[in-house]
Amino acid sequence: MRMFRISLLTISLTMGVFLFNSCSNNNCNNVDCGEFGNCVELEESTLCSCNAGYEKDDEELCNIKSALKFLGTWSATETRFNNNTFTEETLEYTITIEQRDTIANRIFLSNLGDLDNATCTFSGAIAPLATVSVSSLSFVKATYCPSADFSGYLIENLTGSDTISTDRQGLGFNYHMVFTRDQEVFDVDCTVVLEKQ
């Protein structure tokens, strides 16, 4: 009787291992997704998912850093609509897009808005932080250079317009900015078109 129980236990364990292995996919075993990609097993196939800040190359491998196509110096034409006075103005200036750290999907836009730094505690251009993903850009909502009599520039995505289109030579995006200076409130929606220099 004891031998019969041992045999049944052995058969049960063997069947369990067989069934477990037959239900588990090993589709990713020989899939190369590139240096910055991970293979995801689907029911009958696989999918390569790129790490944040990377995209696929011509061979569908996650080897390209998305931020690279945004970096450099750009000529900016900005249309700024003041939501308080219902007036519009056009500005022309230069911005620089750069990476300042090792975070792959993070970029800084120096001089966005051609903002006056007189009230800031530093002399360098204001550099709002944004994250990129393939062909989209999202500003990290933040207030830049507040001081005693100045609220600072609060810059964020313009609602419903948080993407950026690129052909590597031209970019276009929208952002929203609010600040208070000398008790006057500025609330502006900005549309920017950039051309690579």
Protein backbone atom coordinates (compact mmCIF):
# COMPACT_ATOMS: atom_id res chain seq x y z
CA MET A 1 0.00 0.00 0.00
CA ARG A 2 2.88 2.32 0.83
CA MET A 3 4.56 1.67 -2.54
CA PHE A 4 1.25 2.40 -4.27
CA ARG A 5 1.02 5.79 -2.51
CA ILE A 6 4.62 6.64 -3.43
CA SER A 7 3.93 5.70 -7.07
CA LEU A 8 0.80 7.86 -7.14
CA LEU A 9 2.73 10.76 -5.61
CA THR A 10 5.51 10.38 -8.20
CA ILE A 11 2.99 10.25 -11.06
CA SER A 12 1.17 13.33 -9.69
CA LEU A 13 4.40 15.33 -9.37
CA THR A 14 5.53 14.31 -12.88
CA MET A 15 2.15 15.28 -14.38
CA GLY A 16 2.24 18.60 -12.52
CA VAL A 17 5.71 19.45 -13.85
CA PHE A 18 4.64 18.41 -17.38
CA LEU A 19 1.46 20.49 -17.25
CA PHE A 20 3.29 23.51 -15.77
CA ASN A 21 5.96 23.39 -18.47
CA SER A 22 3.43 22.93 -21.26
CA CYS A 23 1.46 26.00 -20.07
CA SER A 24 4.52 28.22 -19.69
CA ASN A 25 5.74 30.05 -22.79
CA ASN A 26 9.44 30.26 -23.48
CA ASN A 27 8.99 32.52 -26.50
CA CYS A 28 11.45 35.09 -25.17
CA ASN A 29 14.38 32.68 -24.85
CA ASN A 30 15.95 33.65 -28.17
CA VAL A 31 14.50 37.15 -28.66
CA ASP A 32 16.92 40.08 -28.87
CA CYS A 33 15.23 43.38 -27.96
CA GLY A 34 18.41 45.46 -28.01
CA GLU A 35 20.52 46.88 -25.23
CA PHE A 36 17.65 48.86 -23.64
CA GLY A 37 14.67 46.58 -24.28
CA ASN A 38 12.85 43.74 -22.57
CA CYS A 39 10.96 40.87 -24.13
CA VAL A 40 7.34 40.47 -23.07
CA GLU A 41 5.68 37.09 -23.61
CA LEU A 42 2.23 37.15 -25.13
CA GLU A 43 -0.03 34.13 -25.56
CA GLU A 44 1.50 32.98 -28.85
CA SER A 45 4.11 35.63 -29.62
CA THR A 46 6.44 38.18 -28.08
CA LEU A 47 6.74 41.95 -27.88
CA CYS A 48 9.82 44.09 -27.27
CA SER A 49 9.22 46.86 -24.75
CA CYS A 50 11.80 49.66 -24.61
CA ASN A 51 13.03 51.16 -21.34
CA ALA A 52 11.90 54.73 -20.55
CA GLY A 53 13.75 57.14 -22.80
CA TYR A 54 14.58 54.65 -25.56
CA GLU A 55 12.97 53.66 -28.84
CA LYS A 56 13.41 51.08 -31.58
CA ASP A 57 15.85 51.36 -34.46
CA ASP A 58 15.29 50.19 -38.04
CA GLU A 59 15.84 46.60 -36.91
CA GLU A 60 13.17 46.92 -34.18
CA LEU A 61 15.80 46.83 -31.42
CA CYS A 62 15.63 49.22 -28.44
CA ASN A 63 18.96 50.93 -29.02
CA ILE A 64 18.10 54.59 -29.69
CA LYS A 65 17.95 57.23 -26.95
CA SER A 66 14.85 59.32 -27.74
CA ALA A 67 16.33 62.52 -26.26
CA LEU A 68 19.13 62.66 -28.84
CA LYS A 69 16.86 63.98 -31.58
CA PHE A 70 15.84 66.92 -29.37
CA LEU A 71 19.31 68.06 -28.28
CA GLY A 72 20.93 71.17 -29.72
CA THR A 73 20.29 74.85 -30.39
CA TRP A 74 16.95 75.92 -31.86
CA SER A 75 15.44 79.15 -33.17
CA ALA A 76 12.10 79.68 -31.43
CA THR A 77 8.99 81.51 -32.60
CA GLU A 78 6.48 81.70 -29.79
CA THR A 79 2.88 82.89 -29.83
CA ARG A 80 1.84 83.88 -26.32
CA PHE A 81 -1.83 84.41 -25.43
CA ASN A 82 -2.55 86.31 -22.21
CA ASN A 83 -5.68 84.81 -20.60
CA ASN A 84 -6.24 87.92 -18.44
CA THR A 85 -6.03 90.64 -21.08
CA PHE A 86 -7.03 88.48 -24.07
CA THR A 87 -4.04 89.83 -25.98
CA GLU A 88 -1.51 87.98 -28.08
CA GLU A 89 2.14 88.61 -28.78
CA THR A 90 4.83 86.88 -30.84
CA LEU A 91 8.37 86.40 -29.57
CA GLU A 92 11.52 85.22 -31.35
CA TYR A 93 14.49 83.90 -29.42
CA THR A 94 16.92 80.98 -29.15
CA ILE A 95 16.74 77.97 -26.82
CA THR A 96 19.12 75.12 -26.11
CA ILE A 97 17.90 71.61 -25.34
CA GLU A 98 20.35 69.48 -23.38
CA GLN A 99 20.71 66.56 -21.00
CA ARG A 100 22.31 67.43 -17.69
CA ASP A 101 22.26 64.03 -16.04
CA THR A 102 22.21 60.32 -16.83
CA ILE A 103 18.42 59.92 -16.76
CA ALA A 104 17.64 58.79 -20.30
CA ASN A 105 14.22 60.38 -20.72
CA ARG A 106 14.99 63.75 -19.14
CA ILE A 107 15.87 66.97 -20.99
CA PHE A 108 16.27 70.63 -20.03
CA LEU A 109 15.14 73.54 -22.22
CA SER A 110 17.35 76.56 -21.50
CA ASN A 111 15.76 79.95 -22.19
CA LEU A 112 12.28 78.63 -22.99
CA GLY A 113 10.01 81.70 -23.15
CA ASP A 114 12.99 84.08 -23.25
CA LEU A 115 12.14 84.88 -19.64
CA ASP A 116 13.55 87.82 -17.73
CA ASN A 117 16.03 86.57 -15.14
CA ALA A 118 16.40 89.90 -13.35
CA THR A 119 14.36 88.65 -10.39
CA CYS A 120 16.13 85.28 -10.23
CA THR A 121 18.98 84.51 -7.87
CA PHE A 122 21.16 83.18 -10.70
CA SER A 123 22.39 84.55 -14.02
CA GLY A 124 21.92 81.49 -16.23
CA ALA A 125 18.92 80.89 -18.47
CA ILE A 126 15.89 79.26 -16.88
CA ALA A 127 15.86 75.62 -17.91
CA PRO A 128 12.47 73.90 -17.48
CA LEU A 129 12.64 70.13 -17.10
CA ALA A 130 10.74 67.83 -19.45
CA THR A 131 10.52 64.11 -20.08
CA VAL A 132 10.52 62.62 -23.58
CA SER A 133 9.16 59.41 -25.03
CA VAL A 134 9.74 58.70 -28.75
CA SER A 135 7.89 61.72 -30.19
CA SER A 136 6.24 63.17 -27.12
CA LEU A 137 7.36 65.70 -24.54
CA SER A 138 5.83 66.44 -21.13
CA PHE A 139 6.90 69.27 -18.88
CA VAL A 140 7.53 68.43 -15.27
CA LYS A 141 5.33 70.97 -13.49
CA ALA A 142 7.61 73.23 -11.49
CA THR A 143 8.12 76.82 -10.35
CA TYR A 144 11.35 78.48 -11.50
CA CYS A 145 13.24 81.21 -9.56
CA PRO A 146 10.67 82.54 -7.07
CA SER A 147 11.83 85.44 -4.89
CA ALA A 148 10.40 87.74 -2.20
CA ASP A 149 8.30 89.87 -4.55
CA PHE A 150 7.99 87.42 -7.43
CA SER A 151 6.01 84.18 -7.41
CA GLY A 152 8.31 82.49 -9.92
CA TYR A 153 7.44 81.04 -13.32
CA LEU A 154 5.13 78.04 -12.98
CA ILE A 155 5.51 76.08 -16.22
CA GLU A 156 3.49 73.01 -17.15
CA ASN A 157 1.87 71.24 -20.09
CA LEU A 158 -0.95 73.04 -21.80
CA THR A 159 -3.95 70.79 -21.10
CA GLY A 160 -4.60 68.47 -24.00
CA SER A 161 -1.46 69.54 -25.80
CA ASP A 162 1.36 67.64 -24.18
CA THR A 163 2.94 66.12 -27.29
CA ILE A 164 5.75 67.23 -29.50
CA SER A 165 6.15 66.42 -33.17
CA THR A 166 9.56 66.16 -34.77
CA ASP A 167 11.22 65.53 -38.10
CA ARG A 168 14.62 66.17 -36.47
CA GLN A 169 14.68 69.68 -37.98
CA GLY A 170 11.45 71.19 -36.59
CA LEU A 171 9.58 70.88 -33.31
CA GLY A 172 6.28 72.24 -32.11
CA PHE A 173 4.70 72.17 -28.65
CA ASN A 174 2.46 74.05 -26.24
CA TYR A 175 2.92 75.02 -22.61
CA HIS A 176 1.12 77.01 -19.93
CA MET A 177 2.83 79.55 -17.68
CA VAL A 178 1.62 81.48 -14.64
CA PHE A 179 3.47 84.04 -12.55
CA THR A 180 2.79 87.06 -10.33
CA ARG A 181 5.08 90.07 -10.33
CA ASP A 182 4.43 93.36 -8.51
CA GLN A 183 0.95 92.05 -7.62
CA GLU A 184 0.07 91.59 -11.30
CA VAL A 185 -0.96 88.08 -12.35
CA PHE A 186 0.18 86.72 -15.70
CA ASP A 187 -1.58 83.62 -17.05
CA VAL A 188 -0.44 82.73 -20.56
CA ASP A 189 -0.82 79.89 -23.05
CA CYS A 190 2.20 79.51 -25.30
CA THR A 191 2.66 77.81 -28.66
CA VAL A 192 6.26 77.33 -29.73
CA VAL A 193 7.70 76.35 -33.12
CA LEU A 194 11.41 75.47 -33.13
CA GLU A 195 13.78 75.23 -36.05
CA LYS A 196 17.14 73.48 -35.71
CA GLN A 197 20.13 75.81 -36.07
